[in-house]
Amino acid sequence: MLLPVDTPLAVADTLGYLQHHLQELTECQNASEHTINATLAGLTAQLQQLTQLMTSPPPTLTITLPPVSAPSLVLAALSKQQARPKLPSSPDFSGE
């Protein structure tokens, strides 16, 4: 900024000081605006993802198991019980 030649030195210094701080404030404002825009972009992307999750049907989970009949499970359990040897009863040392 060009000042007239007859501008007092104090006024020129004050204007230079104000111009310097105005430039710093402008840089801070630009940085804040960039941060706000980046944050808004991130939040918008997250909102779109959440909206997509809420509107799409849930995935189906399919588990395939071999067929097992209930009677064969009962018979297998009974045969295991019968195959176990019986332990002898412990001797009675009570003296009666």
PDB file of N, CA and C in Angstrom:
ATOM      1  N   MET A   1       0.851  -1.166   0.000  1.00  0.00           N
ATOM      2  CA  MET A   1       0.000   0.000   0.000  1.00  0.00           C
ATOM      3  C   MET A   1       0.901   1.234   0.000  1.00  0.00           C
ATOM      4  N   LEU A   2       0.661   2.100  -0.935  1.00  0.00           N
ATOM      5  CA  LEU A   2       1.452   3.328  -1.029  1.00  0.00           C
ATOM      6  C   LEU A   2       0.743   4.459  -0.300  1.00  0.00           C
ATOM      7  N   LEU A   3       1.494   5.139   0.559  1.00  0.00           N
ATOM      8  CA  LEU A   3       0.953   6.259   1.319  1.00  0.00           C
ATOM      9  C   LEU A   3       1.457   7.568   0.710  1.00  0.00           C
ATOM     10  N   PRO A   4       0.684   8.605   0.874  1.00  0.00           N
ATOM     11  CA  PRO A   4       1.181   9.910   0.398  1.00  0.00           C
ATOM     12  C   PRO A   4       2.471  10.282   1.118  1.00  0.00           C
ATOM     13  N   VAL A   5       3.280  11.080   0.484  1.00  0.00           N
ATOM     14  CA  VAL A   5       4.591  11.462   1.017  1.00  0.00           C
ATOM     15  C   VAL A   5       4.452  12.233   2.329  1.00  0.00           C
ATOM     16  N   ASP A   6       3.403  13.006   2.469  1.00  0.00           N
ATOM     17  CA  ASP A   6       3.255  13.838   3.669  1.00  0.00           C
ATOM     18  C   ASP A   6       2.573  13.114   4.828  1.00  0.00           C
ATOM     19  N   THR A   7       2.425  11.755   4.760  1.00  0.00           N
ATOM     20  CA  THR A   7       1.805  10.984   5.842  1.00  0.00           C
ATOM     21  C   THR A   7       2.750  10.984   7.032  1.00  0.00           C
ATOM     22  N   PRO A   8       2.225  11.313   8.207  1.00  0.00           N
ATOM     23  CA  PRO A   8       3.091  11.298   9.396  1.00  0.00           C
ATOM     24  C   PRO A   8       3.629   9.888   9.662  1.00  0.00           C
ATOM     25  N   LEU A   9       4.810   9.849  10.205  1.00  0.00           N
ATOM     26  CA  LEU A   9       5.482   8.569  10.454  1.00  0.00           C
ATOM     27  C   LEU A   9       4.670   7.693  11.417  1.00  0.00           C
ATOM     28  N   ALA A  10       4.048   8.252  12.435  1.00  0.00           N
ATOM     29  CA  ALA A  10       3.268   7.475  13.406  1.00  0.00           C
ATOM     30  C   ALA A  10       2.065   6.822  12.723  1.00  0.00           C
ATOM     31  N   VAL A  11       1.428   7.575  11.793  1.00  0.00           N
ATOM     32  CA  VAL A  11       0.279   7.020  11.084  1.00  0.00           C
ATOM     33  C   VAL A  11       0.740   5.884  10.163  1.00  0.00           C
ATOM     34  N   ALA A  12       1.868   6.056   9.490  1.00  0.00           N
ATOM     35  CA  ALA A  12       2.400   5.034   8.591  1.00  0.00           C
ATOM     36  C   ALA A  12       2.766   3.779   9.379  1.00  0.00           C
ATOM     37  N   ASP A  13       3.373   3.955  10.555  1.00  0.00           N
ATOM     38  CA  ASP A  13       3.729   2.806  11.386  1.00  0.00           C
ATOM     39  C   ASP A  13       2.476   2.066  11.857  1.00  0.00           C
ATOM     40  N   THR A  14       1.465   2.835  12.265  1.00  0.00           N
ATOM     41  CA  THR A  14       0.217   2.226  12.737  1.00  0.00           C
ATOM     42  C   THR A  14      -0.456   1.456  11.607  1.00  0.00           C
ATOM     43  N   LEU A  15      -0.490   2.043  10.423  1.00  0.00           N
ATOM     44  CA  LEU A  15      -1.088   1.355   9.279  1.00  0.00           C
ATOM     45  C   LEU A  15      -0.311   0.085   8.917  1.00  0.00           C
ATOM     46  N   GLY A  16       1.003   0.116   8.992  1.00  0.00           N
ATOM     47  CA  GLY A  16       1.828  -1.062   8.724  1.00  0.00           C
ATOM     48  C   GLY A  16       1.561  -2.166   9.736  1.00  0.00           C
ATOM     49  N   TYR A  17       1.446  -1.748  11.017  1.00  0.00           N
ATOM     50  CA  TYR A  17       1.144  -2.691  12.096  1.00  0.00           C
ATOM     51  C   TYR A  17      -0.210  -3.354  11.851  1.00  0.00           C
ATOM     52  N   LEU A  18      -1.227  -2.542  11.538  1.00  0.00           N
ATOM     53  CA  LEU A  18      -2.564  -3.078  11.296  1.00  0.00           C
ATOM     54  C   LEU A  18      -2.593  -3.981  10.068  1.00  0.00           C
ATOM     55  N   GLN A  19      -1.865  -3.613   9.021  1.00  0.00           N
ATOM     56  CA  GLN A  19      -1.833  -4.427   7.804  1.00  0.00           C
ATOM     57  C   GLN A  19      -1.191  -5.790   8.092  1.00  0.00           C
ATOM     58  N   HIS A  20      -0.129  -5.787   8.899  1.00  0.00           N
ATOM     59  CA  HIS A  20       0.554  -7.039   9.263  1.00  0.00           C
ATOM     60  C   HIS A  20      -0.411  -7.963  10.018  1.00  0.00           C
ATOM     61  N   HIS A  21      -1.136  -7.416  10.995  1.00  0.00           N
ATOM     62  CA  HIS A  21      -2.053  -8.241  11.778  1.00  0.00           C
ATOM     63  C   HIS A  21      -3.271  -8.673  10.958  1.00  0.00           C
ATOM     64  N   LEU A  22      -3.705  -7.840  10.048  1.00  0.00           N
ATOM     65  CA  LEU A  22      -4.799  -8.234   9.159  1.00  0.00           C
ATOM     66  C   LEU A  22      -4.381  -9.420   8.299  1.00  0.00           C
ATOM     67  N   GLN A  23      -3.137  -9.420   7.842  1.00  0.00           N
ATOM     68  CA  GLN A  23      -2.627 -10.535   7.043  1.00  0.00           C
ATOM     69  C   GLN A  23      -2.573 -11.817   7.882  1.00  0.00           C
ATOM     70  N   GLU A  24      -2.116 -11.689   9.139  1.00  0.00           N
ATOM     71  CA  GLU A  24      -2.075 -12.868  10.019  1.00  0.00           C
ATOM     72  C   GLU A  24      -3.480 -13.410  10.280  1.00  0.00           C
ATOM     73  N   LEU A  25      -4.426 -12.507  10.513  1.00  0.00           N
ATOM     74  CA  LEU A  25      -5.806 -12.944  10.749  1.00  0.00           C
ATOM     75  C   LEU A  25      -6.391 -13.627   9.516  1.00  0.00           C
ATOM     76  N   THR A  26      -6.073 -13.120   8.349  1.00  0.00           N
ATOM     77  CA  THR A  26      -6.559 -13.720   7.109  1.00  0.00           C
ATOM     78  C   THR A  26      -6.001 -15.130   6.946  1.00  0.00           C
ATOM     79  N   GLU A  27      -4.722 -15.320   7.260  1.00  0.00           N
ATOM     80  CA  GLU A  27      -4.111 -16.653   7.177  1.00  0.00           C
ATOM     81  C   GLU A  27      -4.761 -17.618   8.173  1.00  0.00           C
ATOM     82  N   CYS A  28      -5.030 -17.125   9.380  1.00  0.00           N
ATOM     83  CA  CYS A  28      -5.699 -17.982  10.381  1.00  0.00           C
ATOM     84  C   CYS A  28      -7.105 -18.341   9.928  1.00  0.00           C
ATOM     85  N   GLN A  29      -7.803 -17.363   9.352  1.00  0.00           N
ATOM     86  CA  GLN A  29      -9.155 -17.623   8.865  1.00  0.00           C
ATOM     87  C   GLN A  29      -9.131 -18.656   7.741  1.00  0.00           C
ATOM     88  N   ASN A  30      -8.168 -18.549   6.835  1.00  0.00           N
ATOM     89  CA  ASN A  30      -8.063 -19.518   5.743  1.00  0.00           C
ATOM     90  C   ASN A  30      -7.752 -20.918   6.269  1.00  0.00           C
ATOM     91  N   ALA A  31      -6.863 -20.996   7.261  1.00  0.00           N
ATOM     92  CA  ALA A  31      -6.539 -22.300   7.846  1.00  0.00           C
ATOM     93  C   ALA A  31      -7.762 -22.890   8.544  1.00  0.00           C
ATOM     94  N   SER A  32      -8.506 -22.067   9.269  1.00  0.00           N
ATOM     95  CA  SER A  32      -9.713 -22.537   9.944  1.00  0.00           C
ATOM     96  C   SER A  32     -10.757 -22.995   8.934  1.00  0.00           C
ATOM     97  N   GLU A  33     -10.898 -22.240   7.867  1.00  0.00           N
ATOM     98  CA  GLU A  33     -11.863 -22.611   6.824  1.00  0.00           C
ATOM     99  C   GLU A  33     -11.487 -23.956   6.204  1.00  0.00           C
ATOM    100  N   HIS A  34     -10.192 -24.165   5.971  1.00  0.00           N
ATOM    101  CA  HIS A  34      -9.734 -25.441   5.413  1.00  0.00           C
ATOM    102  C   HIS A  34     -10.043 -26.580   6.390  1.00  0.00           C
ATOM    103  N   THR A  35      -9.782 -26.361   7.680  1.00  0.00           N
ATOM    104  CA  THR A  35     -10.050 -27.389   8.686  1.00  0.00           C
ATOM    105  C   THR A  35     -11.537 -27.710   8.747  1.00  0.00           C
ATOM    106  N   ILE A  36     -12.359 -26.664   8.719  1.00  0.00           N
ATOM    107  CA  ILE A  36     -13.813 -26.870   8.768  1.00  0.00           C
ATOM    108  C   ILE A  36     -14.281 -27.642   7.538  1.00  0.00           C
ATOM    109  N   ASN A  37     -13.776 -27.280   6.363  1.00  0.00           N
ATOM    110  CA  ASN A  37     -14.184 -27.976   5.140  1.00  0.00           C
ATOM    111  C   ASN A  37     -13.757 -29.439   5.156  1.00  0.00           C
ATOM    112  N   ALA A  38     -12.546 -29.704   5.640  1.00  0.00           N
ATOM    113  CA  ALA A  38     -12.068 -31.091   5.715  1.00  0.00           C
ATOM    114  C   ALA A  38     -12.912 -31.895   6.706  1.00  0.00           C
ATOM    115  N   THR A  39     -13.244 -31.282   7.837  1.00  0.00           N
ATOM    116  CA  THR A  39     -14.070 -31.962   8.835  1.00  0.00           C
ATOM    117  C   THR A  39     -15.464 -32.240   8.281  1.00  0.00           C
ATOM    118  N   LEU A  40     -16.042 -31.258   7.606  1.00  0.00           N
ATOM    119  CA  LEU A  40     -17.367 -31.456   7.004  1.00  0.00           C
ATOM    120  C   LEU A  40     -17.345 -32.562   5.954  1.00  0.00           C
ATOM    121  N   ALA A  41     -16.277 -32.620   5.161  1.00  0.00           N
ATOM    122  CA  ALA A  41     -16.176 -33.674   4.143  1.00  0.00           C
ATOM    123  C   ALA A  41     -16.111 -35.049   4.809  1.00  0.00           C
ATOM    124  N   GLY A  42     -15.330 -35.158   5.887  1.00  0.00           N
ATOM    125  CA  GLY A  42     -15.238 -36.434   6.607  1.00  0.00           C
ATOM    126  C   GLY A  42     -16.559 -36.828   7.234  1.00  0.00           C
ATOM    127  N   LEU A  43     -17.238 -35.871   7.850  1.00  0.00           N
ATOM    128  CA  LEU A  43     -18.534 -36.167   8.469  1.00  0.00           C
ATOM    129  C   LEU A  43     -19.583 -36.523   7.423  1.00  0.00           C
ATOM    130  N   THR A  44     -19.530 -35.871   6.273  1.00  0.00           N
ATOM    131  CA  THR A  44     -20.470 -36.195   5.198  1.00  0.00           C
ATOM    132  C   THR A  44     -20.255 -37.626   4.710  1.00  0.00           C
ATOM    133  N   ALA A  45     -18.989 -38.027   4.572  1.00  0.00           N
ATOM    134  CA  ALA A  45     -18.695 -39.395   4.140  1.00  0.00           C
ATOM    135  C   ALA A  45     -19.196 -40.403   5.170  1.00  0.00           C
ATOM    136  N   GLN A  46     -19.000 -40.109   6.457  1.00  0.00           N
ATOM    137  CA  GLN A  46     -19.473 -41.015   7.497  1.00  0.00           C
ATOM    138  C   GLN A  46     -20.994 -41.082   7.508  1.00  0.00           C
ATOM    139  N   LEU A  47     -21.646 -39.959   7.298  1.00  0.00           N
ATOM    140  CA  LEU A  47     -23.103 -39.934   7.258  1.00  0.00           C
ATOM    141  C   LEU A  47     -23.622 -40.761   6.087  1.00  0.00           C
ATOM    142  N   GLN A  48     -22.952 -40.671   4.944  1.00  0.00           N
ATOM    143  CA  GLN A  48     -23.352 -41.474   3.789  1.00  0.00           C
ATOM    144  C   GLN A  48     -23.183 -42.962   4.074  1.00  0.00           C
ATOM    145  N   GLN A  49     -22.088 -43.327   4.746  1.00  0.00           N
ATOM    146  CA  GLN A  49     -21.870 -44.731   5.094  1.00  0.00           C
ATOM    147  C   GLN A  49     -22.950 -45.226   6.058  1.00  0.00           C
ATOM    148  N   LEU A  50     -23.272 -44.415   7.059  1.00  0.00           N
ATOM    149  CA  LEU A  50     -24.310 -44.809   8.011  1.00  0.00           C
ATOM    150  C   LEU A  50     -25.665 -44.929   7.327  1.00  0.00           C
ATOM    151  N   THR A  51     -25.968 -43.998   6.438  1.00  0.00           N
ATOM    152  CA  THR A  51     -27.231 -44.056   5.709  1.00  0.00           C
ATOM    153  C   THR A  51     -27.295 -45.318   4.866  1.00  0.00           C
ATOM    154  N   GLN A  52     -26.184 -45.659   4.229  1.00  0.00           N
ATOM    155  CA  GLN A  52     -26.141 -46.862   3.407  1.00  0.00           C
ATOM    156  C   GLN A  52     -26.328 -48.112   4.274  1.00  0.00           C
ATOM    157  N   LEU A  53     -25.705 -48.124   5.445  1.00  0.00           N
ATOM    158  CA  LEU A  53     -25.862 -49.273   6.345  1.00  0.00           C
ATOM    159  C   LEU A  53     -27.302 -49.399   6.838  1.00  0.00           C
ATOM    160  N   MET A  54     -27.942 -48.271   7.091  1.00  0.00           N
ATOM    161  CA  MET A  54     -29.311 -48.299   7.606  1.00  0.00           C
ATOM    162  C   MET A  54     -30.329 -48.672   6.528  1.00  0.00           C
ATOM    163  N   THR A  55     -30.045 -48.360   5.267  1.00  0.00           N
ATOM    164  CA  THR A  55     -31.023 -48.612   4.217  1.00  0.00           C
ATOM    165  C   THR A  55     -30.814 -49.943   3.502  1.00  0.00           C
ATOM    166  N   SER A  56     -29.632 -50.518   3.578  1.00  0.00           N
ATOM    167  CA  SER A  56     -29.412 -51.798   2.902  1.00  0.00           C
ATOM    168  C   SER A  56     -29.823 -52.937   3.826  1.00  0.00           C
ATOM    169  N   PRO A  57     -30.317 -54.035   3.253  1.00  0.00           N
ATOM    170  CA  PRO A  57     -30.750 -55.160   4.090  1.00  0.00           C
ATOM    171  C   PRO A  57     -29.546 -55.799   4.775  1.00  0.00           C
ATOM    172  N   PRO A  58     -29.773 -56.362   5.947  1.00  0.00           N
ATOM    173  CA  PRO A  58     -28.657 -56.995   6.651  1.00  0.00           C
ATOM    174  C   PRO A  58     -28.182 -58.228   5.884  1.00  0.00           C
ATOM    175  N   PRO A  59     -26.903 -58.509   5.961  1.00  0.00           N
ATOM    176  CA  PRO A  59     -26.392 -59.696   5.265  1.00  0.00           C
ATOM    177  C   PRO A  59     -26.932 -60.964   5.924  1.00  0.00           C
ATOM    178  N   THR A  60     -27.155 -61.982   5.115  1.00  0.00           N
ATOM    179  CA  THR A  60     -27.632 -63.246   5.661  1.00  0.00           C
ATOM    180  C   THR A  60     -26.451 -64.159   5.908  1.00  0.00           C
ATOM    181  N   LEU A  61     -26.507 -64.852   6.996  1.00  0.00           N
ATOM    182  CA  LEU A  61     -25.447 -65.763   7.381  1.00  0.00           C
ATOM    183  C   LEU A  61     -25.963 -67.180   7.207  1.00  0.00           C
ATOM    184  N   THR A  62     -25.275 -67.947   6.394  1.00  0.00           N
ATOM    185  CA  THR A  62     -25.697 -69.317   6.135  1.00  0.00           C
ATOM    186  C   THR A  62     -24.652 -70.272   6.698  1.00  0.00           C
ATOM    187  N   ILE A  63     -25.102 -71.143   7.562  1.00  0.00           N
ATOM    188  CA  ILE A  63     -24.211 -72.154   8.145  1.00  0.00           C
ATOM    189  C   ILE A  63     -24.738 -73.517   7.724  1.00  0.00           C
ATOM    190  N   THR A  64     -23.880 -74.323   7.128  1.00  0.00           N
ATOM    191  CA  THR A  64     -24.283 -75.654   6.688  1.00  0.00           C
ATOM    192  C   THR A  64     -23.664 -76.676   7.628  1.00  0.00           C
ATOM    193  N   LEU A  65     -24.537 -77.459   8.257  1.00  0.00           N
ATOM    194  CA  LEU A  65     -24.084 -78.508   9.164  1.00  0.00           C
ATOM    195  C   LEU A  65     -24.491 -79.856   8.599  1.00  0.00           C
ATOM    196  N   PRO A  66     -23.705 -80.893   8.858  1.00  0.00           N
ATOM    197  CA  PRO A  66     -24.097 -82.223   8.386  1.00  0.00           C
ATOM    198  C   PRO A  66     -25.345 -82.671   9.144  1.00  0.00           C
ATOM    199  N   PRO A  67     -26.205 -83.414   8.496  1.00  0.00           N
ATOM    200  CA  PRO A  67     -27.422 -83.868   9.175  1.00  0.00           C
ATOM    201  C   PRO A  67     -27.090 -84.856  10.284  1.00  0.00           C
ATOM    202  N   VAL A  68     -27.708 -84.652  11.428  1.00  0.00           N
ATOM    203  CA  VAL A  68     -27.502 -85.528  12.580  1.00  0.00           C
ATOM    204  C   VAL A  68     -28.881 -85.855  13.137  1.00  0.00           C
ATOM    205  N   SER A  69     -29.112 -87.125  13.313  1.00  0.00           N
ATOM    206  CA  SER A  69     -30.418 -87.508  13.867  1.00  0.00           C
ATOM    207  C   SER A  69     -30.304 -87.597  15.384  1.00  0.00           C
ATOM    208  N   ALA A  70     -31.323 -87.188  16.055  1.00  0.00           N
ATOM    209  CA  ALA A  70     -31.327 -87.170  17.514  1.00  0.00           C
ATOM    210  C   ALA A  70     -31.168 -88.569  18.112  1.00  0.00           C
ATOM    211  N   PRO A  71     -31.836 -89.608  17.583  1.00  0.00           N
ATOM    212  CA  PRO A  71     -31.665 -90.940  18.189  1.00  0.00           C
ATOM    213  C   PRO A  71     -30.214 -91.420  18.151  1.00  0.00           C
ATOM    214  N   SER A  72     -29.477 -91.110  17.094  1.00  0.00           N
ATOM    215  CA  SER A  72     -28.094 -91.586  17.043  1.00  0.00           C
ATOM    216  C   SER A  72     -27.250 -90.911  18.113  1.00  0.00           C
ATOM    217  N   LEU A  73     -27.561 -89.663  18.466  1.00  0.00           N
ATOM    218  CA  LEU A  73     -26.825 -88.995  19.536  1.00  0.00           C
ATOM    219  C   LEU A  73     -27.107 -89.656  20.880  1.00  0.00           C
ATOM    220  N   VAL A  74     -28.353 -90.001  21.117  1.00  0.00           N
ATOM    221  CA  VAL A  74     -28.720 -90.658  22.381  1.00  0.00           C
ATOM    222  C   VAL A  74     -28.062 -92.030  22.473  1.00  0.00           C
ATOM    223  N   LEU A  75     -28.087 -92.783  21.376  1.00  0.00           N
ATOM    224  CA  LEU A  75     -27.454 -94.117  21.386  1.00  0.00           C
ATOM    225  C   LEU A  75     -25.953 -94.011  21.590  1.00  0.00           C
ATOM    226  N   ALA A  76     -25.331 -93.029  20.976  1.00  0.00           N
ATOM    227  CA  ALA A  76     -23.881 -92.869  21.143  1.00  0.00           C
ATOM    228  C   ALA A  76     -23.553 -92.542  22.590  1.00  0.00           C
ATOM    229  N   ALA A  77     -24.353 -91.702  23.229  1.00  0.00           N
ATOM    230  CA  ALA A  77     -24.108 -91.348  24.625  1.00  0.00           C
ATOM    231  C   ALA A  77     -24.299 -92.560  25.533  1.00  0.00           C
ATOM    232  N   LEU A  78     -25.322 -93.364  25.271  1.00  0.00           N
ATOM    233  CA  LEU A  78     -25.562 -94.552  26.090  1.00  0.00           C
ATOM    234  C   LEU A  78     -24.456 -95.586  25.924  1.00  0.00           C
ATOM    235  N   SER A  79     -23.986 -95.772  24.708  1.00  0.00           N
ATOM    236  CA  SER A  79     -22.946 -96.785  24.502  1.00  0.00           C
ATOM    237  C   SER A  79     -21.638 -96.363  25.174  1.00  0.00           C
ATOM    238  N   LYS A  80     -21.380 -95.073  25.239  1.00  0.00           N
ATOM    239  CA  LYS A  80     -20.168 -94.620  25.927  1.00  0.00           C
ATOM    240  C   LYS A  80     -20.280 -94.890  27.425  1.00  0.00           C
ATOM    241  N   GLN A  81     -21.479 -94.696  27.981  1.00  0.00           N
ATOM    242  CA  GLN A  81     -21.665 -94.944  29.410  1.00  0.00           C
ATOM    243  C   GLN A  81     -21.494 -96.433  29.714  1.00  0.00           C
ATOM    244  N   GLN A  82     -21.971 -97.311  28.836  1.00  0.00           N
ATOM    245  CA  GLN A  82     -21.893 -98.743  29.084  1.00  0.00           C
ATOM    246  C   GLN A  82     -20.474 -99.255  28.873  1.00  0.00           C
ATOM    247  N   ALA A  83     -19.712 -98.612  28.042  1.00  0.00           N
ATOM    248  CA  ALA A  83     -18.367 -99.095  27.756  1.00  0.00           C
ATOM    249  C   ALA A  83     -17.393 -98.755  28.871  1.00  0.00           C
ATOM    250  N   ARG A  84     -17.729 -97.818  29.737  1.00  0.00           N
ATOM    251  CA  ARG A  84     -16.821 -97.450  30.818  1.00  0.00           C
ATOM    252  C   ARG A  84     -16.795 -98.545  31.882  1.00  0.00           C
ATOM    253  N   PRO A  85     -15.606 -98.967  32.289  1.00  0.00           N
ATOM    254  CA  PRO A  85     -15.544 -99.985  33.344  1.00  0.00           C
ATOM    255  C   PRO A  85     -15.941 -99.364  34.682  1.00  0.00           C
ATOM    256  N   LYS A  86     -16.602-100.167  35.473  1.00  0.00           N
ATOM    257  CA  LYS A  86     -17.003 -99.689  36.785  1.00  0.00           C
ATOM    258  C   LYS A  86     -15.832 -99.854  37.731  1.00  0.00           C
ATOM    259  N   LEU A  87     -15.596 -98.829  38.512  1.00  0.00           N
ATOM    260  CA  LEU A  87     -14.506 -98.886  39.490  1.00  0.00           C
ATOM    261  C   LEU A  87     -14.987 -99.657  40.707  1.00  0.00           C
ATOM    262  N   PRO A  88     -14.083-100.442  41.305  1.00  0.00           N
ATOM    263  CA  PRO A  88     -14.499-101.160  42.519  1.00  0.00           C
ATOM    264  C   PRO A  88     -14.762-100.138  43.630  1.00  0.00           C
ATOM    265  N   SER A  89     -15.671-100.506  44.500  1.00  0.00           N
ATOM    266  CA  SER A  89     -15.962 -99.594  45.604  1.00  0.00           C
ATOM    267  C   SER A  89     -14.802 -99.616  46.570  1.00  0.00           C
ATOM    268  N   SER A  90     -14.565 -98.486  47.188  1.00  0.00           N
ATOM    269  CA  SER A  90     -13.421 -98.399  48.088  1.00  0.00           C
ATOM    270  C   SER A  90     -13.710 -99.143  49.385  1.00  0.00           C
ATOM    271  N   PRO A  91     -12.673 -99.721  49.950  1.00  0.00           N
ATOM    272  CA  PRO A  91     -12.874-100.494  51.196  1.00  0.00           C
ATOM    273  C   PRO A  91     -13.302 -99.562  52.338  1.00  0.00           C
ATOM    274  N   ASP A  92     -14.051-100.137  53.236  1.00  0.00           N
ATOM    275  CA  ASP A  92     -14.540 -99.363  54.372  1.00  0.00           C
ATOM    276  C   ASP A  92     -13.567 -99.537  55.513  1.00  0.00           C
ATOM    277  N   PHE A  93     -12.883 -98.455  55.896  1.00  0.00           N
ATOM    278  CA  PHE A  93     -11.899 -98.509  56.998  1.00  0.00           C
ATOM    279  C   PHE A  93     -12.435 -97.922  58.273  1.00  0.00           C
ATOM    280  N   SER A  94     -13.720 -97.816  58.386  1.00  0.00           N
ATOM    281  CA  SER A  94     -14.292 -97.172  59.558  1.00  0.00           C
ATOM    282  C   SER A  94     -14.255 -98.111  60.790  1.00  0.00           C
ATOM    283  N   GLY A  95     -14.067 -99.397  60.585  1.00  0.00           N
ATOM    284  CA  GLY A  95     -13.922-100.337  61.677  1.00  0.00           C
ATOM    285  C   GLY A  95     -15.245-100.875  62.172  1.00  0.00           C
ATOM    286  N   GLU A  96     -16.282-100.702  61.509  1.00  0.00           N
ATOM    287  CA  GLU A  96     -17.576-101.193  61.963  1.00  0.00           C
ATOM    288  C   GLU A  96     -17.869-102.571  61.489  1.00  0.00           C
TER     289      GLU A  96
END
